[in-house]
Amino acid sequence: MPDLPTVPFGPNGPHVTRIGLGGEGVLRTRNRDTEARNVIGEALSRNITYFDSAPAYENSQSYLGSVWAERPDLRNTVFQTSKSAQRTAEQATAELQRSLDLLHTDHLDLWQIHDLRTWEEVRRIEGTDGALAAFVQAKEKGLVRHIGVTGHHDPEVLTHAVAHWPLDAVLLPVNPAETVLGGFPDDVASQAKARNMAVIGMKCLGGGLFIQPEKGVTADILIRYALNGPVDLIIVGCSSPEQVREAVTAATDVGDMDAEASQLEAAFRPNAPKLAYYRGRV
């Protein structure tokens, strides 16, 4: 099996695989323990080291935590992330403790301010008793090793957070529609790179909606497209071990795809605003 490419997580972080198991797919379910553990197990067997989760993603934390509880030796070999969409320090701190409990770990490798959308949220998070203070304090205490922010709604709002908050990482959408629309893969990513932050891509497959094999738009080409973008790594939600294997194969042989990229962007251009369904109005 070819080695899965890795990259340093920021200037001083550990190496992580360029593709991670996203918290969507089967992880964003309830009562599907066997299926979820099969996907996690396949990711581990394929040497994926980056694992995404969030309280908002149904049982994602519990599924992953059940594996680390059984195999605590594995926990120290992976980069475990979670998120919090709470906007006050008190709420975020309480949610962090729940995440640690569910994941059966004493720390997160990355904790992210989740789904930043509006300027009102920015003011709440930055304000007195806002969640940002809880994130900074958790890092100082060693409960989390890195802190970040995620967003797919408004590039200007996310750019502000990246430019002004003491963060280590940003999670943003990367796909052909985003290249056409601009904002996330150029403005936000360039600001993050200027601050030596890790850039993580999501929405690479559009929740599966972008995949149209009859038009030559496959998961393979979309993953390779994203990894050729301004990111250090991407996360992909998977619903089966087969999807994990397909994602790893694509990430292992990214290659030069200038011609394919141009064709993809041309195909996405007419309907880019509609395809970027997760944004606010564009």
C-alpha atoms as a PDB file:
ATOM      1  CA  MET A   1       0.000   0.000   0.000  1.00  0.00           C
ATOM      2  CA  PRO A   2       1.542   3.391  -0.984  1.00  0.00           C
ATOM      3  CA  ASP A   3       2.251   5.766   1.869  1.00  0.00           C
ATOM      4  CA  LEU A   4      -0.478   8.318   2.521  1.00  0.00           C
ATOM      5  CA  PRO A   5       1.078  11.802   2.215  1.00  0.00           C
ATOM      6  CA  THR A   6       1.460  13.818   5.418  1.00  0.00           C
ATOM      7  CA  VAL A   7       2.002  17.480   6.208  1.00  0.00           C
ATOM      8  CA  PRO A   8       2.987  19.413   9.342  1.00  0.00           C
ATOM      9  CA  PHE A   9      -0.021  20.873  11.140  1.00  0.00           C
ATOM     10  CA  GLY A  10       1.123  24.486  11.206  1.00  0.00           C
ATOM     11  CA  PRO A  11       4.732  25.488  11.842  1.00  0.00           C
ATOM     12  CA  ASN A  12       5.151  23.580  15.108  1.00  0.00           C
ATOM     13  CA  GLY A  13       2.498  20.889  14.977  1.00  0.00           C
ATOM     14  CA  PRO A  14       2.755  17.154  14.370  1.00  0.00           C
ATOM     15  CA  HIS A  15       2.550  15.599  10.932  1.00  0.00           C
ATOM     16  CA  VAL A  16      -0.979  14.597   9.901  1.00  0.00           C
ATOM     17  CA  THR A  17      -2.271  12.836   6.825  1.00  0.00           C
ATOM     18  CA  ARG A  18      -3.395  15.093   3.990  1.00  0.00           C
ATOM     19  CA  ILE A  19      -6.813  13.477   4.133  1.00  0.00           C
ATOM     20  CA  GLY A  20      -8.799  13.054   7.315  1.00  0.00           C
ATOM     21  CA  LEU A  21     -11.989  11.225   8.223  1.00  0.00           C
ATOM     22  CA  GLY A  22     -14.714  13.859   8.371  1.00  0.00           C
ATOM     23  CA  GLY A  23     -17.435  13.954  10.983  1.00  0.00           C
ATOM     24  CA  GLU A  24     -20.143  13.710   8.317  1.00  0.00           C
ATOM     25  CA  GLY A  25     -21.149  10.481   6.557  1.00  0.00           C
ATOM     26  CA  VAL A  26     -21.934   7.591   8.861  1.00  0.00           C
ATOM     27  CA  LEU A  27     -20.393   9.398  11.821  1.00  0.00           C
ATOM     28  CA  ARG A  28     -23.230  11.923  11.683  1.00  0.00           C
ATOM     29  CA  THR A  29     -25.835   9.349  12.687  1.00  0.00           C
ATOM     30  CA  ARG A  30     -27.289   7.662  15.743  1.00  0.00           C
ATOM     31  CA  ASN A  31     -27.514   3.966  16.581  1.00  0.00           C
ATOM     32  CA  ARG A  32     -25.267   2.791  13.756  1.00  0.00           C
ATOM     33  CA  ASP A  33     -22.359   1.748  15.926  1.00  0.00           C
ATOM     34  CA  THR A  34     -21.179  -1.219  13.877  1.00  0.00           C
ATOM     35  CA  GLU A  35     -21.176   0.704  10.592  1.00  0.00           C
ATOM     36  CA  ALA A  36     -19.449   3.694  12.162  1.00  0.00           C
ATOM     37  CA  ARG A  37     -16.776   1.561  13.810  1.00  0.00           C
ATOM     38  CA  ASN A  38     -16.164  -0.251  10.520  1.00  0.00           C
ATOM     39  CA  VAL A  39     -15.501   3.090   8.820  1.00  0.00           C
ATOM     40  CA  ILE A  40     -13.222   4.236  11.648  1.00  0.00           C
ATOM     41  CA  GLY A  41     -11.407   0.919  11.548  1.00  0.00           C
ATOM     42  CA  GLU A  42     -10.886   1.175   7.801  1.00  0.00           C
ATOM     43  CA  ALA A  43      -9.522   4.698   8.196  1.00  0.00           C
ATOM     44  CA  LEU A  44      -7.055   3.469  10.803  1.00  0.00           C
ATOM     45  CA  SER A  45      -6.015   0.523   8.648  1.00  0.00           C
ATOM     46  CA  ARG A  46      -5.356   2.943   5.773  1.00  0.00           C
ATOM     47  CA  ASN A  47      -3.115   5.014   8.070  1.00  0.00           C
ATOM     48  CA  ILE A  48      -5.379   8.068   8.277  1.00  0.00           C
ATOM     49  CA  THR A  49      -4.339  10.029  11.361  1.00  0.00           C
ATOM     50  CA  TYR A  50      -6.713  13.033  11.300  1.00  0.00           C
ATOM     51  CA  PHE A  51     -10.194  12.442  12.804  1.00  0.00           C
ATOM     52  CA  ASP A  52     -12.910  15.116  12.757  1.00  0.00           C
ATOM     53  CA  SER A  53     -15.944  15.342  15.042  1.00  0.00           C
ATOM     54  CA  ALA A  54     -18.336  17.823  16.621  1.00  0.00           C
ATOM     55  CA  PRO A  55     -21.187  17.858  19.132  1.00  0.00           C
ATOM     56  CA  ALA A  56     -23.443  18.894  16.238  1.00  0.00           C
ATOM     57  CA  TYR A  57     -22.576  15.720  14.331  1.00  0.00           C
ATOM     58  CA  GLU A  58     -24.929  13.357  16.167  1.00  0.00           C
ATOM     59  CA  ASN A  59     -22.892  10.467  17.677  1.00  0.00           C
ATOM     60  CA  SER A  60     -19.582  11.222  15.970  1.00  0.00           C
ATOM     61  CA  GLN A  61     -17.772  11.788  19.259  1.00  0.00           C
ATOM     62  CA  SER A  62     -19.259   8.689  20.882  1.00  0.00           C
ATOM     63  CA  TYR A  63     -18.373   6.479  17.922  1.00  0.00           C
ATOM     64  CA  LEU A  64     -14.756   7.631  17.936  1.00  0.00           C
ATOM     65  CA  GLY A  65     -14.564   7.572  21.716  1.00  0.00           C
ATOM     66  CA  SER A  66     -15.676   3.965  21.838  1.00  0.00           C
ATOM     67  CA  VAL A  67     -12.660   3.019  19.705  1.00  0.00           C
ATOM     68  CA  TRP A  68     -10.194   5.023  21.795  1.00  0.00           C
ATOM     69  CA  ALA A  69     -11.685   3.559  25.007  1.00  0.00           C
ATOM     70  CA  GLU A  70     -11.010   0.041  23.767  1.00  0.00           C
ATOM     71  CA  ARG A  71      -7.625   0.923  22.285  1.00  0.00           C
ATOM     72  CA  PRO A  72      -6.107   3.798  24.298  1.00  0.00           C
ATOM     73  CA  ASP A  73      -2.768   3.067  22.610  1.00  0.00           C
ATOM     74  CA  LEU A  74      -4.283   4.240  19.321  1.00  0.00           C
ATOM     75  CA  ARG A  75      -5.414   7.585  20.731  1.00  0.00           C
ATOM     76  CA  ASN A  76      -1.852   8.896  20.923  1.00  0.00           C
ATOM     77  CA  THR A  77      -1.183   7.968  17.302  1.00  0.00           C
ATOM     78  CA  VAL A  78      -3.992  10.125  15.886  1.00  0.00           C
ATOM     79  CA  PHE A  79      -4.924  13.803  15.678  1.00  0.00           C
ATOM     80  CA  GLN A  80      -8.381  14.092  17.264  1.00  0.00           C
ATOM     81  CA  THR A  81     -10.441  17.217  16.696  1.00  0.00           C
ATOM     82  CA  SER A  82     -13.775  18.522  17.862  1.00  0.00           C
ATOM     83  CA  LYS A  83     -15.695  21.776  17.792  1.00  0.00           C
ATOM     84  CA  SER A  84     -18.072  23.962  19.747  1.00  0.00           C
ATOM     85  CA  ALA A  85     -20.834  26.180  18.387  1.00  0.00           C
ATOM     86  CA  GLN A  86     -21.410  27.696  21.834  1.00  0.00           C
ATOM     87  CA  ARG A  87     -20.817  31.438  21.852  1.00  0.00           C
ATOM     88  CA  THR A  88     -20.174  32.149  25.549  1.00  0.00           C
ATOM     89  CA  ALA A  89     -17.126  31.088  27.545  1.00  0.00           C
ATOM     90  CA  GLU A  90     -19.197  29.221  30.121  1.00  0.00           C
ATOM     91  CA  GLN A  91     -21.139  27.241  27.529  1.00  0.00           C
ATOM     92  CA  ALA A  92     -18.037  26.436  25.470  1.00  0.00           C
ATOM     93  CA  THR A  93     -16.074  25.264  28.519  1.00  0.00           C
ATOM     94  CA  ALA A  94     -18.896  22.933  29.553  1.00  0.00           C
ATOM     95  CA  GLU A  95     -19.157  21.557  26.030  1.00  0.00           C
ATOM     96  CA  LEU A  96     -15.406  20.923  25.891  1.00  0.00           C
ATOM     97  CA  GLN A  97     -15.618  18.751  28.985  1.00  0.00           C
ATOM     98  CA  ARG A  98     -18.469  16.761  27.449  1.00  0.00           C
ATOM     99  CA  SER A  99     -16.424  16.274  24.290  1.00  0.00           C
ATOM    100  CA  LEU A 100     -13.423  15.032  26.259  1.00  0.00           C
ATOM    101  CA  ASP A 101     -15.651  12.596  28.153  1.00  0.00           C
ATOM    102  CA  LEU A 102     -17.344  11.253  25.024  1.00  0.00           C
ATOM    103  CA  LEU A 103     -14.046  10.915  23.171  1.00  0.00           C
ATOM    104  CA  HIS A 104     -12.397   9.181  26.142  1.00  0.00           C
ATOM    105  CA  THR A 105      -9.393  11.489  26.060  1.00  0.00           C
ATOM    106  CA  ASP A 106      -7.741  14.050  28.309  1.00  0.00           C
ATOM    107  CA  HIS A 107      -7.081  16.509  25.485  1.00  0.00           C
ATOM    108  CA  LEU A 108      -8.039  17.482  21.961  1.00  0.00           C
ATOM    109  CA  ASP A 109      -5.413  18.037  19.312  1.00  0.00           C
ATOM    110  CA  LEU A 110      -7.617  20.721  17.752  1.00  0.00           C
ATOM    111  CA  TRP A 111     -10.692  22.467  19.162  1.00  0.00           C
ATOM    112  CA  GLN A 112     -12.589  24.708  16.752  1.00  0.00           C
ATOM    113  CA  ILE A 113     -15.086  27.556  17.064  1.00  0.00           C
ATOM    114  CA  HIS A 114     -17.774  25.956  14.930  1.00  0.00           C
ATOM    115  CA  ASP A 115     -19.771  27.338  12.013  1.00  0.00           C
ATOM    116  CA  LEU A 116     -19.066  31.065  12.295  1.00  0.00           C
ATOM    117  CA  ARG A 117     -21.666  32.886  10.216  1.00  0.00           C
ATOM    118  CA  THR A 118     -22.512  36.441  11.212  1.00  0.00           C
ATOM    119  CA  TRP A 119     -20.992  39.648  12.533  1.00  0.00           C
ATOM    120  CA  GLU A 120     -23.326  39.370  15.521  1.00  0.00           C
ATOM    121  CA  GLU A 121     -21.675  36.052  16.375  1.00  0.00           C
ATOM    122  CA  VAL A 122     -18.242  37.648  15.979  1.00  0.00           C
ATOM    123  CA  ARG A 123     -19.164  40.314  18.519  1.00  0.00           C
ATOM    124  CA  ARG A 124     -20.493  37.737  20.987  1.00  0.00           C
ATOM    125  CA  ILE A 125     -17.459  35.482  20.670  1.00  0.00           C
ATOM    126  CA  GLU A 126     -14.990  38.366  20.984  1.00  0.00           C
ATOM    127  CA  GLY A 127     -16.873  40.106  23.776  1.00  0.00           C
ATOM    128  CA  THR A 128     -16.645  39.902  27.532  1.00  0.00           C
ATOM    129  CA  ASP A 129     -17.352  36.315  28.570  1.00  0.00           C
ATOM    130  CA  GLY A 130     -17.309  35.285  24.900  1.00  0.00           C
ATOM    131  CA  ALA A 131     -16.267  31.832  23.724  1.00  0.00           C
ATOM    132  CA  LEU A 132     -12.897  32.985  22.384  1.00  0.00           C
ATOM    133  CA  ALA A 133     -11.618  33.438  25.921  1.00  0.00           C
ATOM    134  CA  ALA A 134     -12.562  29.833  26.742  1.00  0.00           C
ATOM    135  CA  PHE A 135     -10.666  28.563  23.717  1.00  0.00           C
ATOM    136  CA  VAL A 136      -7.532  30.500  24.631  1.00  0.00           C
ATOM    137  CA  GLN A 137      -7.744  29.351  28.251  1.00  0.00           C
ATOM    138  CA  ALA A 138      -8.247  25.699  27.258  1.00  0.00           C
ATOM    139  CA  LYS A 139      -5.076  25.862  25.177  1.00  0.00           C
ATOM    140  CA  GLU A 140      -3.153  27.473  28.029  1.00  0.00           C
ATOM    141  CA  LYS A 141      -4.298  24.668  30.356  1.00  0.00           C
ATOM    142  CA  GLY A 142      -3.257  21.946  27.908  1.00  0.00           C
ATOM    143  CA  LEU A 143      -6.802  20.660  27.435  1.00  0.00           C
ATOM    144  CA  VAL A 144      -6.414  21.411  23.732  1.00  0.00           C
ATOM    145  CA  ARG A 145      -3.209  21.670  21.758  1.00  0.00           C
ATOM    146  CA  HIS A 146      -4.430  23.878  18.922  1.00  0.00           C
ATOM    147  CA  ILE A 147      -7.457  26.120  18.436  1.00  0.00           C
ATOM    148  CA  GLY A 148      -9.224  27.053  15.236  1.00  0.00           C
ATOM    149  CA  VAL A 149     -12.364  28.327  13.570  1.00  0.00           C
ATOM    150  CA  THR A 150     -14.685  26.841  10.947  1.00  0.00           C
ATOM    151  CA  GLY A 151     -17.012  28.553   8.520  1.00  0.00           C
ATOM    152  CA  HIS A 152     -18.742  28.098   5.173  1.00  0.00           C
ATOM    153  CA  HIS A 153     -21.317  30.884   5.242  1.00  0.00           C
ATOM    154  CA  ASP A 154     -19.584  34.245   4.713  1.00  0.00           C
ATOM    155  CA  PRO A 155     -15.936  34.596   3.659  1.00  0.00           C
ATOM    156  CA  GLU A 156     -15.669  38.150   5.010  1.00  0.00           C
ATOM    157  CA  VAL A 157     -16.752  37.081   8.484  1.00  0.00           C
ATOM    158  CA  LEU A 158     -14.337  34.145   8.468  1.00  0.00           C
ATOM    159  CA  THR A 159     -11.504  36.359   7.192  1.00  0.00           C
ATOM    160  CA  HIS A 160     -12.003  38.645  10.183  1.00  0.00           C
ATOM    161  CA  ALA A 161     -11.646  35.749  12.600  1.00  0.00           C
ATOM    162  CA  VAL A 162      -8.518  34.474  10.868  1.00  0.00           C
ATOM    163  CA  ALA A 163      -6.950  37.935  10.792  1.00  0.00           C
ATOM    164  CA  HIS A 164      -7.750  38.989  14.357  1.00  0.00           C
ATOM    165  CA  TRP A 165      -8.109  35.937  16.598  1.00  0.00           C
ATOM    166  CA  PRO A 166      -5.140  33.992  18.088  1.00  0.00           C
ATOM    167  CA  LEU A 167      -5.836  30.826  16.132  1.00  0.00           C
ATOM    168  CA  ASP A 168      -3.796  27.926  14.785  1.00  0.00           C
ATOM    169  CA  ALA A 169      -6.137  26.677  12.058  1.00  0.00           C
ATOM    170  CA  VAL A 170      -9.121  27.379   9.836  1.00  0.00           C
ATOM    171  CA  LEU A 171     -11.560  24.929   8.255  1.00  0.00           C
ATOM    172  CA  LEU A 172     -13.181  26.228   5.052  1.00  0.00           C
ATOM    173  CA  PRO A 173     -14.897  24.964   1.883  1.00  0.00           C
ATOM    174  CA  VAL A 174     -12.711  24.037  -1.086  1.00  0.00           C
ATOM    175  CA  ASN A 175     -14.259  22.871  -4.356  1.00  0.00           C
ATOM    176  CA  PRO A 176     -14.742  24.135  -7.938  1.00  0.00           C
ATOM    177  CA  ALA A 177     -17.807  26.211  -7.017  1.00  0.00           C
ATOM    178  CA  GLU A 178     -15.777  28.026  -4.362  1.00  0.00           C
ATOM    179  CA  THR A 179     -12.997  28.775  -6.828  1.00  0.00           C
ATOM    180  CA  VAL A 180     -15.563  30.341  -9.146  1.00  0.00           C
ATOM    181  CA  LEU A 181     -17.244  32.367  -6.387  1.00  0.00           C
ATOM    182  CA  GLY A 182     -14.056  33.394  -4.585  1.00  0.00           C
ATOM    183  CA  GLY A 183     -13.641  34.381  -0.970  1.00  0.00           C
ATOM    184  CA  PHE A 184     -12.853  31.208   0.909  1.00  0.00           C
ATOM    185  CA  PRO A 185     -10.032  29.601  -1.099  1.00  0.00           C
ATOM    186  CA  ASP A 186      -8.364  32.931  -1.877  1.00  0.00           C
ATOM    187  CA  ASP A 187      -9.033  35.645   0.723  1.00  0.00           C
ATOM    188  CA  VAL A 188      -9.470  33.458   3.811  1.00  0.00           C
ATOM    189  CA  ALA A 189      -6.803  30.914   2.903  1.00  0.00           C
ATOM    190  CA  SER A 190      -4.216  33.563   1.986  1.00  0.00           C
ATOM    191  CA  GLN A 191      -4.808  35.408   5.253  1.00  0.00           C
ATOM    192  CA  ALA A 192      -4.408  32.140   7.157  1.00  0.00           C
ATOM    193  CA  LYS A 193      -1.198  31.264   5.333  1.00  0.00           C
ATOM    194  CA  ALA A 194       0.200  34.717   6.090  1.00  0.00           C
ATOM    195  CA  ARG A 195      -0.314  33.946   9.780  1.00  0.00           C
ATOM    196  CA  ASN A 196       1.214  30.444   9.567  1.00  0.00           C
ATOM    197  CA  MET A 197      -2.118  28.792  10.250  1.00  0.00           C
ATOM    198  CA  ALA A 198      -3.076  25.317   9.079  1.00  0.00           C
ATOM    199  CA  VAL A 199      -5.735  25.401   6.353  1.00  0.00           C
ATOM    200  CA  ILE A 200      -8.175  22.476   6.275  1.00  0.00           C
ATOM    201  CA  GLY A 201     -10.592  21.946   3.396  1.00  0.00           C
ATOM    202  CA  MET A 202     -14.161  20.707   3.651  1.00  0.00           C
ATOM    203  CA  LYS A 203     -17.244  20.496   1.379  1.00  0.00           C
ATOM    204  CA  CYS A 204     -14.976  18.936  -1.235  1.00  0.00           C
ATOM    205  CA  LEU A 205     -17.758  16.654  -2.469  1.00  0.00           C
ATOM    206  CA  GLY A 206     -20.658  18.947  -1.588  1.00  0.00           C
ATOM    207  CA  GLY A 207     -22.121  16.264   0.647  1.00  0.00           C
ATOM    208  CA  GLY A 208     -22.067  13.965  -2.382  1.00  0.00           C
ATOM    209  CA  LEU A 209     -24.207  16.355  -4.455  1.00  0.00           C
ATOM    210  CA  PHE A 210     -21.285  17.333  -6.676  1.00  0.00           C
ATOM    211  CA  ILE A 211     -20.587  13.770  -7.800  1.00  0.00           C
ATOM    212  CA  GLN A 212     -21.897  13.129 -11.327  1.00  0.00           C
ATOM    213  CA  PRO A 213     -19.996  10.201 -12.837  1.00  0.00           C
ATOM    214  CA  GLU A 214     -21.899  10.503 -16.126  1.00  0.00           C
ATOM    215  CA  LYS A 215     -20.329  13.953 -16.531  1.00  0.00           C
ATOM    216  CA  GLY A 216     -16.898  12.845 -15.385  1.00  0.00           C
ATOM    217  CA  VAL A 217     -17.263  14.460 -11.947  1.00  0.00           C
ATOM    218  CA  THR A 218     -16.178  11.711  -9.563  1.00  0.00           C
ATOM    219  CA  ALA A 219     -15.191  11.689  -5.903  1.00  0.00           C
ATOM    220  CA  ASP A 220     -11.638  10.929  -7.014  1.00  0.00           C
ATOM    221  CA  ILE A 221     -11.289  14.041  -9.173  1.00  0.00           C
ATOM    222  CA  LEU A 222     -12.971  16.304  -6.601  1.00  0.00           C
ATOM    223  CA  ILE A 223     -10.646  15.096  -3.833  1.00  0.00           C
ATOM    224  CA  ARG A 224      -7.601  15.566  -6.023  1.00  0.00           C
ATOM    225  CA  TYR A 225      -8.879  19.012  -7.021  1.00  0.00           C
ATOM    226  CA  ALA A 226      -9.244  20.061  -3.392  1.00  0.00           C
ATOM    227  CA  LEU A 227      -5.779  18.784  -2.476  1.00  0.00           C
ATOM    228  CA  ASN A 228      -4.325  20.825  -5.322  1.00  0.00           C
ATOM    229  CA  GLY A 229      -5.908  23.889  -3.746  1.00  0.00           C
ATOM    230  CA  PRO A 230      -4.652  26.245  -1.019  1.00  0.00           C
ATOM    231  CA  VAL A 231      -5.004  23.681   1.773  1.00  0.00           C
ATOM    232  CA  ASP A 232      -2.744  21.592   3.944  1.00  0.00           C
ATOM    233  CA  LEU A 233      -5.270  18.794   4.236  1.00  0.00           C
ATOM    234  CA  ILE A 234      -8.933  18.023   3.644  1.00  0.00           C
ATOM    235  CA  ILE A 235     -11.593  16.077   5.513  1.00  0.00           C
ATOM    236  CA  VAL A 236     -14.052  13.773   3.778  1.00  0.00           C
ATOM    237  CA  GLY A 237     -17.107  12.225   5.399  1.00  0.00           C
ATOM    238  CA  CYS A 238     -17.506   8.544   4.528  1.00  0.00           C
ATOM    239  CA  SER A 239     -20.460   6.177   4.851  1.00  0.00           C
ATOM    240  CA  SER A 240     -18.682   2.903   4.127  1.00  0.00           C
ATOM    241  CA  PRO A 241     -15.213   1.330   4.207  1.00  0.00           C
ATOM    242  CA  GLU A 242     -15.257   1.410   0.398  1.00  0.00           C
ATOM    243  CA  GLN A 243     -15.616   5.195   0.431  1.00  0.00           C
ATOM    244  CA  VAL A 244     -12.666   5.409   2.818  1.00  0.00           C
ATOM    245  CA  ARG A 245     -10.556   3.347   0.418  1.00  0.00           C
ATOM    246  CA  GLU A 246     -11.596   5.519  -2.533  1.00  0.00           C
ATOM    247  CA  ALA A 247     -10.696   8.705  -0.660  1.00  0.00           C
ATOM    248  CA  VAL A 248      -7.306   7.356   0.371  1.00  0.00           C
ATOM    249  CA  THR A 249      -6.530   6.242  -3.175  1.00  0.00           C
ATOM    250  CA  ALA A 250      -7.314   9.731  -4.488  1.00  0.00           C
ATOM    251  CA  ALA A 251      -5.198  11.403  -1.802  1.00  0.00           C
ATOM    252  CA  THR A 252      -2.273   9.077  -2.399  1.00  0.00           C
ATOM    253  CA  ASP A 253      -1.883  10.044  -6.061  1.00  0.00           C
ATOM    254  CA  VAL A 254      -2.968  13.676  -6.423  1.00  0.00           C
ATOM    255  CA  GLY A 255      -0.836  14.442  -9.481  1.00  0.00           C
ATOM    256  CA  ASP A 256      -0.878  17.472 -11.766  1.00  0.00           C
ATOM    257  CA  MET A 257      -4.414  18.277 -12.896  1.00  0.00           C
ATOM    258  CA  ASP A 258      -4.349  21.753 -14.440  1.00  0.00           C
ATOM    259  CA  ALA A 259      -6.421  20.728 -17.458  1.00  0.00           C
ATOM    260  CA  GLU A 260      -8.919  18.787 -15.359  1.00  0.00           C
ATOM    261  CA  ALA A 261      -9.211  21.697 -12.928  1.00  0.00           C
ATOM    262  CA  SER A 262     -10.069  24.139 -15.713  1.00  0.00           C
ATOM    263  CA  GLN A 263     -12.729  21.785 -17.037  1.00  0.00           C
ATOM    264  CA  LEU A 264     -14.248  21.336 -13.592  1.00  0.00           C
ATOM    265  CA  GLU A 265     -14.397  25.068 -12.945  1.00  0.00           C
ATOM    266  CA  ALA A 266     -16.021  25.662 -16.333  1.00  0.00           C
ATOM    267  CA  ALA A 267     -18.614  22.988 -15.571  1.00  0.00           C
ATOM    268  CA  PHE A 268     -19.403  24.470 -12.150  1.00  0.00           C
ATOM    269  CA  ARG A 269     -19.406  28.136 -13.229  1.00  0.00           C
ATOM    270  CA  PRO A 270     -23.019  28.473 -14.498  1.00  0.00           C
ATOM    271  CA  ASN A 271     -24.539  27.172 -11.246  1.00  0.00           C
ATOM    272  CA  ALA A 272     -21.847  27.996  -8.704  1.00  0.00           C
ATOM    273  CA  PRO A 273     -24.098  30.001  -6.308  1.00  0.00           C
ATOM    274  CA  LYS A 274     -26.651  27.205  -6.238  1.00  0.00           C
ATOM    275  CA  LEU A 275     -24.014  24.509  -5.833  1.00  0.00           C
ATOM    276  CA  ALA A 276     -22.527  26.347  -2.844  1.00  0.00           C
ATOM    277  CA  TYR A 277     -25.795  25.667  -1.023  1.00  0.00           C
ATOM    278  CA  TYR A 278     -24.181  25.977   2.413  1.00  0.00           C
ATOM    279  CA  ARG A 279     -23.355  29.681   1.980  1.00  0.00           C
ATOM    280  CA  GLY A 280     -25.479  32.640   2.861  1.00  0.00           C
ATOM    281  CA  ARG A 281     -26.826  34.621  -0.071  1.00  0.00           C
ATOM    282  CA  VAL A 282     -24.127  35.271  -2.661  1.00  0.00           C
END
